[in-house]
C-alpha atoms as a PDB file:
ATOM      1  CA  MET A   1     -23.018  20.630   4.873  1.00  0.00           C
ATOM      2  CA  LYS A   2     -20.904  18.676   7.445  1.00  0.00           C
ATOM      3  CA  ILE A   3     -17.647  17.159   6.845  1.00  0.00           C
ATOM      4  CA  ILE A   4     -16.670  14.125   8.928  1.00  0.00           C
ATOM      5  CA  LEU A   5     -12.900  13.701   8.701  1.00  0.00           C
ATOM      6  CA  ALA A   6     -11.753  10.092   9.446  1.00  0.00           C
ATOM      7  CA  ASN A   7      -8.905   9.431  11.645  1.00  0.00           C
ATOM      8  CA  PRO A   8      -6.716   7.359  11.153  1.00  0.00           C
ATOM      9  CA  ARG A   9      -6.241   8.292   7.500  1.00  0.00           C
ATOM     10  CA  GLY A  10      -3.281   8.966   5.138  1.00  0.00           C
ATOM     11  CA  PHE A  11       0.241   8.109   5.613  1.00  0.00           C
ATOM     12  CA  CYS A  12       1.066   4.825   7.435  1.00  0.00           C
ATOM     13  CA  ALA A  13       4.473   4.007   9.127  1.00  0.00           C
ATOM     14  CA  GLY A  14       5.856   2.318   6.021  1.00  0.00           C
ATOM     15  CA  VAL A  15       4.885   5.087   3.598  1.00  0.00           C
ATOM     16  CA  ASN A  16       6.350   7.675   6.132  1.00  0.00           C
ATOM     17  CA  MET A  17       9.630   5.665   6.337  1.00  0.00           C
ATOM     18  CA  ALA A  18       9.941   5.346   2.523  1.00  0.00           C
ATOM     19  CA  ILE A  19       9.320   9.005   1.840  1.00  0.00           C
ATOM     20  CA  GLU A  20      11.718  10.166   4.782  1.00  0.00           C
ATOM     21  CA  CYS A  21      14.167   7.747   3.277  1.00  0.00           C
ATOM     22  CA  LEU A  22      14.091   9.404  -0.168  1.00  0.00           C
ATOM     23  CA  ASP A  23      14.096  12.770   1.247  1.00  0.00           C
ATOM     24  CA  LYS A  24      17.269  11.912   3.329  1.00  0.00           C
ATOM     25  CA  ALA A  25      18.935  10.332   0.404  1.00  0.00           C
ATOM     26  CA  ILE A  26      18.383  13.574  -1.589  1.00  0.00           C
ATOM     27  CA  SER A  27      19.851  15.665   1.113  1.00  0.00           C
ATOM     28  CA  MET A  28      22.868  13.531   1.403  1.00  0.00           C
ATOM     29  CA  PHE A  29      23.645  12.788  -2.275  1.00  0.00           C
ATOM     30  CA  GLY A  30      21.653  15.208  -4.301  1.00  0.00           C
ATOM     31  CA  SER A  31      18.640  14.586  -6.516  1.00  0.00           C
ATOM     32  CA  ASN A  32      20.485  12.344  -9.170  1.00  0.00           C
ATOM     33  CA  ILE A  33      18.874   9.274  -7.560  1.00  0.00           C
ATOM     34  CA  TYR A  34      16.773   6.586  -9.110  1.00  0.00           C
ATOM     35  CA  VAL A  35      13.903   4.705  -7.651  1.00  0.00           C
ATOM     36  CA  TYR A  36      12.707   1.247  -8.878  1.00  0.00           C
ATOM     37  CA  HIS A  37       8.923   1.794  -9.355  1.00  0.00           C
ATOM     38  CA  GLU A  38       7.100   4.611  -7.646  1.00  0.00           C
ATOM     39  CA  ILE A  39       8.364   5.141  -4.195  1.00  0.00           C
ATOM     40  CA  VAL A  40       4.607   4.969  -3.100  1.00  0.00           C
ATOM     41  CA  HIS A  41       1.491   4.534  -5.202  1.00  0.00           C
ATOM     42  CA  ASN A  42       0.615   8.235  -5.012  1.00  0.00           C
ATOM     43  CA  LYS A  43       0.603  10.799  -7.917  1.00  0.00           C
ATOM     44  CA  TYR A  44       1.219  13.883  -5.828  1.00  0.00           C
ATOM     45  CA  VAL A  45       4.157  12.230  -3.998  1.00  0.00           C
ATOM     46  CA  VAL A  46       5.718  10.923  -7.142  1.00  0.00           C
ATOM     47  CA  GLU A  47       5.440  14.313  -8.882  1.00  0.00           C
ATOM     48  CA  ARG A  48       7.059  16.108  -6.024  1.00  0.00           C
ATOM     49  CA  PHE A  49       9.986  14.032  -6.193  1.00  0.00           C
ATOM     50  CA  THR A  50      10.132  14.079  -9.967  1.00  0.00           C
ATOM     51  CA  GLN A  51      10.201  17.899  -9.848  1.00  0.00           C
ATOM     52  CA  GLN A  52      13.276  17.585  -7.568  1.00  0.00           C
ATOM     53  CA  GLY A  53      15.076  15.536 -10.125  1.00  0.00           C
ATOM     54  CA  VAL A  54      14.456  12.044  -8.955  1.00  0.00           C
ATOM     55  CA  LYS A  55      13.995   9.559 -11.663  1.00  0.00           C
ATOM     56  CA  PHE A  56      11.560   6.584 -11.351  1.00  0.00           C
ATOM     57  CA  VAL A  57      12.267   3.551 -13.453  1.00  0.00           C
ATOM     58  CA  ASN A  58      10.613   0.192 -14.296  1.00  0.00           C
ATOM     59  CA  GLU A  59      13.755  -1.585 -15.456  1.00  0.00           C
ATOM     60  CA  ILE A  60      17.086  -1.927 -13.656  1.00  0.00           C
ATOM     61  CA  ALA A  61      18.708  -1.550 -17.096  1.00  0.00           C
ATOM     62  CA  GLU A  62      17.515   2.083 -17.144  1.00  0.00           C
ATOM     63  CA  VAL A  63      19.811   2.897 -14.109  1.00  0.00           C
ATOM     64  CA  PRO A  64      23.347   3.984 -15.096  1.00  0.00           C
ATOM     65  CA  LEU A  65      26.199   1.765 -13.784  1.00  0.00           C
ATOM     66  CA  GLY A  66      27.244   2.756 -10.169  1.00  0.00           C
ATOM     67  CA  SER A  67      24.221   5.004  -9.519  1.00  0.00           C
ATOM     68  CA  ILE A  68      22.120   5.187  -6.457  1.00  0.00           C
ATOM     69  CA  LEU A  69      18.843   3.280  -6.409  1.00  0.00           C
ATOM     70  CA  LEU A  70      16.206   3.142  -3.913  1.00  0.00           C
ATOM     71  CA  TYR A  71      13.773   0.079  -3.752  1.00  0.00           C
ATOM     72  CA  SER A  72      10.265   1.351  -3.301  1.00  0.00           C
ATOM     73  CA  ALA A  73       8.079   0.614  -0.200  1.00  0.00           C
ATOM     74  CA  HIS A  74       6.299  -2.285  -2.090  1.00  0.00           C
ATOM     75  CA  GLY A  75       9.589  -4.417  -2.070  1.00  0.00           C
ATOM     76  CA  VAL A  76      11.397  -6.260  -4.940  1.00  0.00           C
ATOM     77  CA  SER A  77      12.231  -9.776  -5.791  1.00  0.00           C
ATOM     78  CA  PRO A  78      15.731 -11.371  -5.424  1.00  0.00           C
ATOM     79  CA  GLU A  79      16.079 -11.138  -9.224  1.00  0.00           C
ATOM     80  CA  ILE A  80      15.963  -7.375  -9.099  1.00  0.00           C
ATOM     81  CA  ARG A  81      18.508  -7.296  -6.282  1.00  0.00           C
ATOM     82  CA  GLU A  82      20.855  -9.390  -8.301  1.00  0.00           C
ATOM     83  CA  GLN A  83      20.461  -7.188 -11.378  1.00  0.00           C
ATOM     84  CA  SER A  84      21.424  -4.216  -9.242  1.00  0.00           C
ATOM     85  CA  ARG A  85      24.529  -5.920  -8.104  1.00  0.00           C
ATOM     86  CA  LYS A  86      25.438  -6.768 -11.608  1.00  0.00           C
ATOM     87  CA  ARG A  87      25.257  -2.995 -12.397  1.00  0.00           C
ATOM     88  CA  ASP A  88      27.187  -2.057  -9.250  1.00  0.00           C
ATOM     89  CA  LEU A  89      24.373   0.146  -7.974  1.00  0.00           C
ATOM     90  CA  ARG A  90      24.376   1.656  -4.514  1.00  0.00           C
ATOM     91  CA  THR A  91      20.964   0.302  -3.330  1.00  0.00           C
ATOM     92  CA  ILE A  92      18.987   1.701  -0.430  1.00  0.00           C
ATOM     93  CA  ASP A  93      15.944  -0.604   0.609  1.00  0.00           C
ATOM     94  CA  ALA A  94      12.980   1.429   1.447  1.00  0.00           C
ATOM     95  CA  THR A  95      10.732  -1.618   1.592  1.00  0.00           C
ATOM     96  CA  CYS A  96       8.049  -1.518   4.254  1.00  0.00           C
ATOM     97  CA  PRO A  97       9.010  -3.935   7.011  1.00  0.00           C
ATOM     98  CA  LEU A  98       5.519  -5.351   6.951  1.00  0.00           C
ATOM     99  CA  VAL A  99       6.063  -6.322   3.263  1.00  0.00           C
ATOM    100  CA  THR A 100       9.532  -7.769   4.245  1.00  0.00           C
ATOM    101  CA  LYS A 101       7.596  -9.860   6.710  1.00  0.00           C
ATOM    102  CA  VAL A 102       5.603 -11.513   4.038  1.00  0.00           C
ATOM    103  CA  HIS A 103       8.756 -12.021   1.906  1.00  0.00           C
ATOM    104  CA  LEU A 104      10.449 -13.901   4.824  1.00  0.00           C
ATOM    105  CA  GLU A 105       7.290 -16.037   5.427  1.00  0.00           C
ATOM    106  CA  ALA A 106       7.431 -16.978   1.776  1.00  0.00           C
ATOM    107  CA  VAL A 107      10.953 -17.998   1.900  1.00  0.00           C
ATOM    108  CA  ARG A 108      10.437 -19.937   5.079  1.00  0.00           C
ATOM    109  CA  TYR A 109       7.357 -21.940   3.937  1.00  0.00           C
ATOM    110  CA  ALA A 110       9.058 -22.684   0.509  1.00  0.00           C
ATOM    111  CA  ARG A 111      12.142 -23.858   2.413  1.00  0.00           C
ATOM    112  CA  ASP A 112      10.059 -26.080   4.444  1.00  0.00           C
ATOM    113  CA  GLY A 113       8.464 -27.759   1.477  1.00  0.00           C
ATOM    114  CA  TYR A 114       5.118 -25.888   1.421  1.00  0.00           C
ATOM    115  CA  HIS A 115       3.328 -24.610  -1.685  1.00  0.00           C
ATOM    116  CA  ILE A 116       2.136 -21.182  -0.829  1.00  0.00           C
ATOM    117  CA  ILE A 117      -1.197 -19.693  -1.966  1.00  0.00           C
ATOM    118  CA  LEU A 118      -0.645 -15.929  -2.251  1.00  0.00           C
ATOM    119  CA  ILE A 119      -3.869 -13.877  -1.950  1.00  0.00           C
ATOM    120  CA  GLY A 120      -3.530 -10.700  -3.911  1.00  0.00           C
ATOM    121  CA  HIS A 121      -3.956  -8.658  -7.000  1.00  0.00           C
ATOM    122  CA  GLU A 122      -2.098  -9.856 -10.163  1.00  0.00           C
ATOM    123  CA  GLY A 123       0.414  -7.228 -11.385  1.00  0.00           C
ATOM    124  CA  HIS A 124       0.692  -5.267  -8.136  1.00  0.00           C
ATOM    125  CA  ASP A 125       4.276  -4.438  -7.327  1.00  0.00           C
ATOM    126  CA  GLU A 126       4.092  -6.026  -3.949  1.00  0.00           C
ATOM    127  CA  VAL A 127       2.782  -9.229  -5.357  1.00  0.00           C
ATOM    128  CA  ILE A 128       5.368  -9.410  -8.030  1.00  0.00           C
ATOM    129  CA  GLY A 129       8.128  -8.982  -5.381  1.00  0.00           C
ATOM    130  CA  THR A 130       6.793 -11.602  -3.042  1.00  0.00           C
ATOM    131  CA  MET A 131       6.233 -14.107  -5.780  1.00  0.00           C
ATOM    132  CA  GLY A 132       9.836 -13.540  -6.843  1.00  0.00           C
ATOM    133  CA  GLU A 133      11.096 -15.033  -3.513  1.00  0.00           C
ATOM    134  CA  ALA A 134       9.981 -18.555  -4.469  1.00  0.00           C
ATOM    135  CA  PRO A 135       8.278 -18.520  -7.899  1.00  0.00           C
ATOM    136  CA  ALA A 136       8.146 -22.384  -8.204  1.00  0.00           C
ATOM    137  CA  SER A 137       6.251 -22.498  -4.834  1.00  0.00           C
ATOM    138  CA  ILE A 138       3.622 -19.710  -5.112  1.00  0.00           C
ATOM    139  CA  THR A 139       0.188 -19.607  -6.734  1.00  0.00           C
ATOM    140  CA  LEU A 140      -1.679 -16.438  -6.795  1.00  0.00           C
ATOM    141  CA  VAL A 141      -5.362 -16.342  -6.122  1.00  0.00           C
ATOM    142  CA  GLU A 142      -7.635 -13.307  -5.994  1.00  0.00           C
ATOM    143  CA  THR A 143     -11.289 -14.631  -5.394  1.00  0.00           C
ATOM    144  CA  PRO A 144     -13.034 -17.564  -3.758  1.00  0.00           C
ATOM    145  CA  GLU A 145     -13.953 -18.723  -7.196  1.00  0.00           C
ATOM    146  CA  GLU A 146     -10.243 -19.174  -8.027  1.00  0.00           C
ATOM    147  CA  VAL A 147      -9.887 -21.256  -5.057  1.00  0.00           C
ATOM    148  CA  ALA A 148     -12.226 -23.762  -6.513  1.00  0.00           C
ATOM    149  CA  ASN A 149      -9.839 -24.235  -9.461  1.00  0.00           C
ATOM    150  CA  LEU A 150      -6.719 -25.156  -7.513  1.00  0.00           C
ATOM    151  CA  GLN A 151      -5.574 -28.813  -8.155  1.00  0.00           C
ATOM    152  CA  PHE A 152      -3.568 -29.580  -5.117  1.00  0.00           C
ATOM    153  CA  PRO A 153      -4.385 -32.909  -3.440  1.00  0.00           C
ATOM    154  CA  ASP A 154      -6.185 -32.767  -0.092  1.00  0.00           C
ATOM    155  CA  ASP A 155      -3.104 -33.834   1.902  1.00  0.00           C
ATOM    156  CA  ALA A 156      -0.754 -31.371   0.160  1.00  0.00           C
ATOM    157  CA  LYS A 157       1.495 -29.162   2.426  1.00  0.00           C
ATOM    158  CA  ILE A 158      -0.088 -25.843   1.748  1.00  0.00           C
ATOM    159  CA  ALA A 159       0.100 -22.435   3.399  1.00  0.00           C
ATOM    160  CA  TYR A 160      -1.345 -19.026   2.514  1.00  0.00           C
ATOM    161  CA  LEU A 161      -0.059 -15.436   2.678  1.00  0.00           C
ATOM    162  CA  THR A 162      -1.774 -12.269   1.672  1.00  0.00           C
ATOM    163  CA  GLN A 163      -0.829  -8.978   0.115  1.00  0.00           C
ATOM    164  CA  THR A 164      -0.682  -6.393   2.829  1.00  0.00           C
ATOM    165  CA  THR A 165      -3.166  -3.833   1.354  1.00  0.00           C
ATOM    166  CA  LEU A 166      -6.173  -6.075   0.759  1.00  0.00           C
ATOM    167  CA  SER A 167      -9.635  -5.540   1.937  1.00  0.00           C
ATOM    168  CA  VAL A 168      -9.960  -7.406   5.242  1.00  0.00           C
ATOM    169  CA  ASP A 169     -13.467  -8.622   4.305  1.00  0.00           C
ATOM    170  CA  GLU A 170     -12.226  -9.668   0.665  1.00  0.00           C
ATOM    171  CA  ALA A 171      -9.251 -11.531   2.028  1.00  0.00           C
ATOM    172  CA  GLY A 172     -11.491 -13.142   4.711  1.00  0.00           C
ATOM    173  CA  ARG A 173     -13.860 -14.651   1.979  1.00  0.00           C
ATOM    174  CA  VAL A 174     -10.704 -16.207   0.242  1.00  0.00           C
ATOM    175  CA  ILE A 175      -9.225 -17.488   3.296  1.00  0.00           C
ATOM    176  CA  ALA A 176     -12.504 -19.043   4.293  1.00  0.00           C
ATOM    177  CA  ALA A 177     -12.785 -20.750   0.840  1.00  0.00           C
ATOM    178  CA  LEU A 178      -9.147 -21.975   1.311  1.00  0.00           C
ATOM    179  CA  ARG A 179      -9.820 -23.455   4.808  1.00  0.00           C
ATOM    180  CA  ASN A 180     -12.964 -25.150   3.615  1.00  0.00           C
ATOM    181  CA  ARG A 181     -11.071 -26.642   0.678  1.00  0.00           C
ATOM    182  CA  TYR A 182      -7.901 -27.504   2.648  1.00  0.00           C
ATOM    183  CA  PRO A 183      -8.678 -27.708   6.310  1.00  0.00           C
ATOM    184  CA  LYS A 184      -5.101 -28.298   7.323  1.00  0.00           C
ATOM    185  CA  ILE A 185      -3.768 -25.297   5.398  1.00  0.00           C
ATOM    186  CA  ASP A 186      -1.177 -23.352   7.436  1.00  0.00           C
ATOM    187  CA  SER A 187      -0.901 -19.496   7.964  1.00  0.00           C
ATOM    188  CA  PRO A 188       1.549 -17.145   9.885  1.00  0.00           C
ATOM    189  CA  PRO A 189       0.832 -16.627  13.431  1.00  0.00           C
ATOM    190  CA  LYS A 190       0.058 -12.964  12.749  1.00  0.00           C
ATOM    191  CA  GLU A 191      -1.919 -11.904   9.713  1.00  0.00           C
ATOM    192  CA  ASP A 192      -0.224 -10.191   6.830  1.00  0.00           C
ATOM    193  CA  ILE A 193      -2.695  -7.385   6.134  1.00  0.00           C
ATOM    194  CA  CYS A 194      -1.193  -4.222   7.457  1.00  0.00           C
ATOM    195  CA  TYR A 195      -2.417  -2.468  10.634  1.00  0.00           C
ATOM    196  CA  ALA A 196      -2.961   0.782   8.792  1.00  0.00           C
ATOM    197  CA  THR A 197      -4.964  -0.899   5.877  1.00  0.00           C
ATOM    198  CA  THR A 198      -7.221  -2.470   8.566  1.00  0.00           C
ATOM    199  CA  ASN A 199      -7.529   0.743  10.592  1.00  0.00           C
ATOM    200  CA  ARG A 200      -8.542   2.919   7.648  1.00  0.00           C
ATOM    201  CA  GLN A 201     -10.987   0.378   6.429  1.00  0.00           C
ATOM    202  CA  ASP A 202     -12.460   0.100   9.953  1.00  0.00           C
ATOM    203  CA  ALA A 203     -12.892   3.882  10.085  1.00  0.00           C
ATOM    204  CA  VAL A 204     -14.859   3.969   6.848  1.00  0.00           C
ATOM    205  CA  LYS A 205     -17.057   1.089   8.005  1.00  0.00           C
ATOM    206  CA  GLN A 206     -17.936   2.870  11.209  1.00  0.00           C
ATOM    207  CA  LEU A 207     -18.368   6.342   9.745  1.00  0.00           C
ATOM    208  CA  ALA A 208     -19.828   5.872   6.174  1.00  0.00           C
ATOM    209  CA  LYS A 209     -23.414   5.097   7.597  1.00  0.00           C
ATOM    210  CA  ASP A 210     -23.682   8.789   8.627  1.00  0.00           C
ATOM    211  CA  ALA A 211     -22.507  10.236   5.206  1.00  0.00           C
ATOM    212  CA  ASP A 212     -24.164  10.817   1.973  1.00  0.00           C
ATOM    213  CA  VAL A 213     -20.822  10.934  -0.030  1.00  0.00           C
ATOM    214  CA  VAL A 214     -17.424   9.257   0.705  1.00  0.00           C
ATOM    215  CA  LEU A 215     -14.402  10.951  -0.629  1.00  0.00           C
ATOM    216  CA  VAL A 216     -11.206   8.954  -0.628  1.00  0.00           C
ATOM    217  CA  LEU A 217      -7.947  10.820  -1.342  1.00  0.00           C
ATOM    218  CA  GLY A 218      -5.567   8.470  -3.184  1.00  0.00           C
ATOM    219  CA  SER A 219      -4.363   7.355  -6.622  1.00  0.00           C
ATOM    220  CA  GLN A 220      -6.017   4.888  -8.956  1.00  0.00           C
ATOM    221  CA  ASN A 221      -3.073   2.612  -8.683  1.00  0.00           C
ATOM    222  CA  SER A 222      -3.121   2.446  -4.863  1.00  0.00           C
ATOM    223  CA  SER A 223      -4.647  -0.846  -3.847  1.00  0.00           C
ATOM    224  CA  ASN A 224      -5.502   0.238  -0.332  1.00  0.00           C
ATOM    225  CA  SER A 225      -7.187   3.501  -1.532  1.00  0.00           C
ATOM    226  CA  ARG A 226      -9.304   1.606  -3.992  1.00  0.00           C
ATOM    227  CA  ARG A 227     -10.455  -0.770  -1.041  1.00  0.00           C
ATOM    228  CA  LEU A 228     -11.529   2.258   0.890  1.00  0.00           C
ATOM    229  CA  LYS A 229     -13.623   3.522  -2.066  1.00  0.00           C
ATOM    230  CA  GLU A 230     -15.239  -0.027  -2.482  1.00  0.00           C
ATOM    231  CA  ILE A 231     -16.035  -0.100   1.222  1.00  0.00           C
ATOM    232  CA  GLY A 232     -17.753   3.298   0.970  1.00  0.00           C
ATOM    233  CA  ALA A 233     -19.838   2.170  -2.130  1.00  0.00           C
ATOM    234  CA  SER A 234     -20.810  -1.004  -0.302  1.00  0.00           C
ATOM    235  CA  PHE A 235     -22.951   1.079   1.972  1.00  0.00           C
ATOM    236  CA  GLU A 236     -24.848   2.289  -0.977  1.00  0.00           C
ATOM    237  CA  LYS A 237     -23.060   5.714  -0.744  1.00  0.00           C
ATOM    238  CA  LYS A 238     -21.635   7.764  -3.620  1.00  0.00           C
ATOM    239  CA  ALA A 239     -17.969   6.988  -3.295  1.00  0.00           C
ATOM    240  CA  PHE A 240     -15.104   8.675  -5.206  1.00  0.00           C
ATOM    241  CA  LEU A 241     -11.313   8.091  -5.367  1.00  0.00           C
ATOM    242  CA  ILE A 242      -9.444  11.191  -6.335  1.00  0.00           C
ATOM    243  CA  ASP A 243      -5.954  12.589  -6.268  1.00  0.00           C
ATOM    244  CA  GLY A 244      -6.824  16.127  -5.109  1.00  0.00           C
ATOM    245  CA  ALA A 245      -9.301  18.981  -5.119  1.00  0.00           C
ATOM    246  CA  SER A 246      -9.016  19.645  -8.782  1.00  0.00           C
ATOM    247  CA  GLU A 247     -11.001  16.557  -9.540  1.00  0.00           C
ATOM    248  CA  LEU A 248     -14.081  17.454  -7.330  1.00  0.00           C
ATOM    249  CA  ARG A 249     -17.285  18.130  -9.202  1.00  0.00           C
ATOM    250  CA  HIS A 250     -20.236  20.115  -7.899  1.00  0.00           C
ATOM    251  CA  GLU A 251     -22.823  17.477  -9.168  1.00  0.00           C
ATOM    252  CA  TRP A 252     -21.453  15.118  -6.619  1.00  0.00           C
ATOM    253  CA  PHE A 253     -22.808  17.344  -3.770  1.00  0.00           C
ATOM    254  CA  GLU A 254     -26.167  18.220  -4.944  1.00  0.00           C
ATOM    255  CA  GLY A 255     -28.618  17.713  -1.970  1.00  0.00           C
ATOM    256  CA  VAL A 256     -25.719  16.333   0.116  1.00  0.00           C
ATOM    257  CA  ASN A 257     -25.710  17.075   3.899  1.00  0.00           C
ATOM    258  CA  CYS A 258     -22.704  15.027   5.061  1.00  0.00           C
ATOM    259  CA  VAL A 259     -19.482  13.993   3.393  1.00  0.00           C
ATOM    260  CA  LEU A 260     -16.988  11.511   4.833  1.00  0.00           C
ATOM    261  CA  VAL A 261     -13.336  12.394   3.861  1.00  0.00           C
ATOM    262  CA  THR A 262     -10.500   9.873   4.307  1.00  0.00           C
ATOM    263  CA  ALA A 263      -7.292   9.072   2.590  1.00  0.00           C
ATOM    264  CA  GLY A 264      -5.279   5.938   1.510  1.00  0.00           C
ATOM    265  CA  ALA A 265      -2.122   4.954   3.266  1.00  0.00           C
ATOM    266  CA  SER A 266      -0.017   6.705   0.616  1.00  0.00           C
ATOM    267  CA  ALA A 267      -1.930   9.985   0.358  1.00  0.00           C
ATOM    268  CA  PRO A 268      -0.386  13.032   1.908  1.00  0.00           C
ATOM    269  CA  ASP A 269      -2.601  15.249   4.262  1.00  0.00           C
ATOM    270  CA  VAL A 270      -1.939  18.257   2.157  1.00  0.00           C
ATOM    271  CA  VAL A 271      -4.380  16.889  -0.618  1.00  0.00           C
ATOM    272  CA  VAL A 272      -6.942  16.122   2.235  1.00  0.00           C
ATOM    273  CA  GLN A 273      -6.810  19.637   3.339  1.00  0.00           C
ATOM    274  CA  ASP A 274      -7.134  21.031  -0.172  1.00  0.00           C
ATOM    275  CA  CYS A 275     -10.424  19.040  -0.448  1.00  0.00           C
ATOM    276  CA  ILE A 276     -11.655  20.237   2.913  1.00  0.00           C
ATOM    277  CA  ASP A 277     -10.862  23.868   1.952  1.00  0.00           C
ATOM    278  CA  TRP A 278     -12.797  23.352  -1.251  1.00  0.00           C
ATOM    279  CA  LEU A 279     -15.822  22.083   0.511  1.00  0.00           C
ATOM    280  CA  VAL A 280     -15.675  24.853   2.992  1.00  0.00           C
ATOM    281  CA  ARG A 281     -15.308  27.490   0.416  1.00  0.00           C
ATOM    282  CA  GLU A 282     -18.059  26.126  -1.926  1.00  0.00           C
ATOM    283  CA  TYR A 283     -20.568  24.937   0.568  1.00  0.00           C
ATOM    284  CA  GLY A 284     -19.734  26.747   3.975  1.00  0.00           C
ATOM    285  CA  ALA A 285     -19.118  23.201   5.308  1.00  0.00           C
ATOM    286  CA  THR A 286     -18.230  22.528   8.977  1.00  0.00           C
ATOM    287  CA  LEU A 287     -15.663  20.067  10.021  1.00  0.00           C
ATOM    288  CA  GLU A 288     -15.692  17.189  12.608  1.00  0.00           C
ATOM    289  CA  GLU A 289     -12.804  14.887  12.897  1.00  0.00           C
ATOM    290  CA  VAL A 290     -13.563  11.548  14.391  1.00  0.00           C
ATOM    291  CA  THR A 291     -10.958   9.280  15.639  1.00  0.00           C
ATOM    292  CA  THR A 292     -11.794   5.530  15.588  1.00  0.00           C
ATOM    293  CA  ARG A 293      -8.341   4.241  16.667  1.00  0.00           C
ATOM    294  CA  GLU A 294      -5.027   5.708  17.698  1.00  0.00           C
ATOM    295  CA  GLU A 295      -1.886   4.809  15.850  1.00  0.00           C
ATOM    296  CA  HIS A 296       1.620   4.997  17.285  1.00  0.00           C
ATOM    297  CA  VAL A 297       3.686   2.903  14.882  1.00  0.00           C
ATOM    298  CA  SER A 298       6.951   4.097  13.340  1.00  0.00           C
ATOM    299  CA  PHE A 299       9.753   2.410  11.419  1.00  0.00           C
ATOM    300  CA  PRO A 300      13.466   3.271  11.442  1.00  0.00           C
ATOM    301  CA  LEU A 301      15.273   4.341   8.364  1.00  0.00           C
ATOM    302  CA  PRO A 302      17.074   1.610   6.335  1.00  0.00           C
ATOM    303  CA  LYS A 303      20.385   0.422   7.815  1.00  0.00           C
ATOM    304  CA  GLU A 304      22.156   1.719   4.573  1.00  0.00           C
ATOM    305  CA  LEU A 305      21.046   5.240   5.351  1.00  0.00           C
ATOM    306  CA  ARG A 306      21.730   5.024   9.003  1.00  0.00           C
ATOM    307  CA  ILE A 307      25.318   3.834   8.406  1.00  0.00           C
ATOM    308  CA  LEU A 308      26.089   6.673   5.927  1.00  0.00           C
ATOM    309  CA  GLN A 309      24.484   9.165   8.360  1.00  0.00           C
ATOM    310  CA  SER A 310      26.382   8.050  11.374  1.00  0.00           C
ATOM    311  CA  ALA A 311      29.516   8.204   9.225  1.00  0.00           C
ATOM    312  CA  GLY A 312      28.829  11.870   8.719  1.00  0.00           C
ATOM    313  CA  ARG A 313      27.867  11.648   5.073  1.00  0.00           C
END
């Protein structure tokens, strides 16, 4: 058996920043810290912090008055920020800068009198936060079929934005439908889908054709990880999305000569390595890492942490 290990894979700059932010906050303040929603959508990462004493909450009311609260990498709405202020919480914003970009675009378009079509998945933390910036001015669509149901007049001022973790092809089909229905629709000068999402999807597209099985490390609630599995399956390959080696099954690999291994943008490399070790141990697999694109992106820690750090805290 041969393993093709995709590169780039795993942590993106936004996830790296958010996790480093929480690690730094723990070192500065101890583990009695709260995080609004999961810091990133990954079971392994969340469990690691939970074991350190960090508490993940879904309601601001669950956070004691005056406590330290981190906002997750997926961003939050203005309403959540206001609830935090009312509880006198010390907040640290670990929102990915690429998500913040989409929030600012929503605010700008709404201020300029546009109605915004947000392409994304209903209920996703990022989508909830973005829609909260201008709820009266945003309509969510997920598929080209939903575009056909829009009721805006042909001459309406409309712009579209996208969730950062969508499938590039999936978003492209919705955008094409929007441009066909509303030829004058506006959009940001630079697309919203994150560089890391695009790069990881491109790697699977390039490498899946040579594999019999596609293994994606990532959690079921990770949008970008699910897209990687879907892309693998689109090549008519057996594709599996798993959190770690404990979920691997021998029947997946009967008669298999080549396995493509990759990881979503919120999955740590330790779970990737565990799966590789399992395949080597069980099947004597050999490993080839294939790099389809170099990444050199990094984001600074939030200013709240940098200020506290420079003050010697």
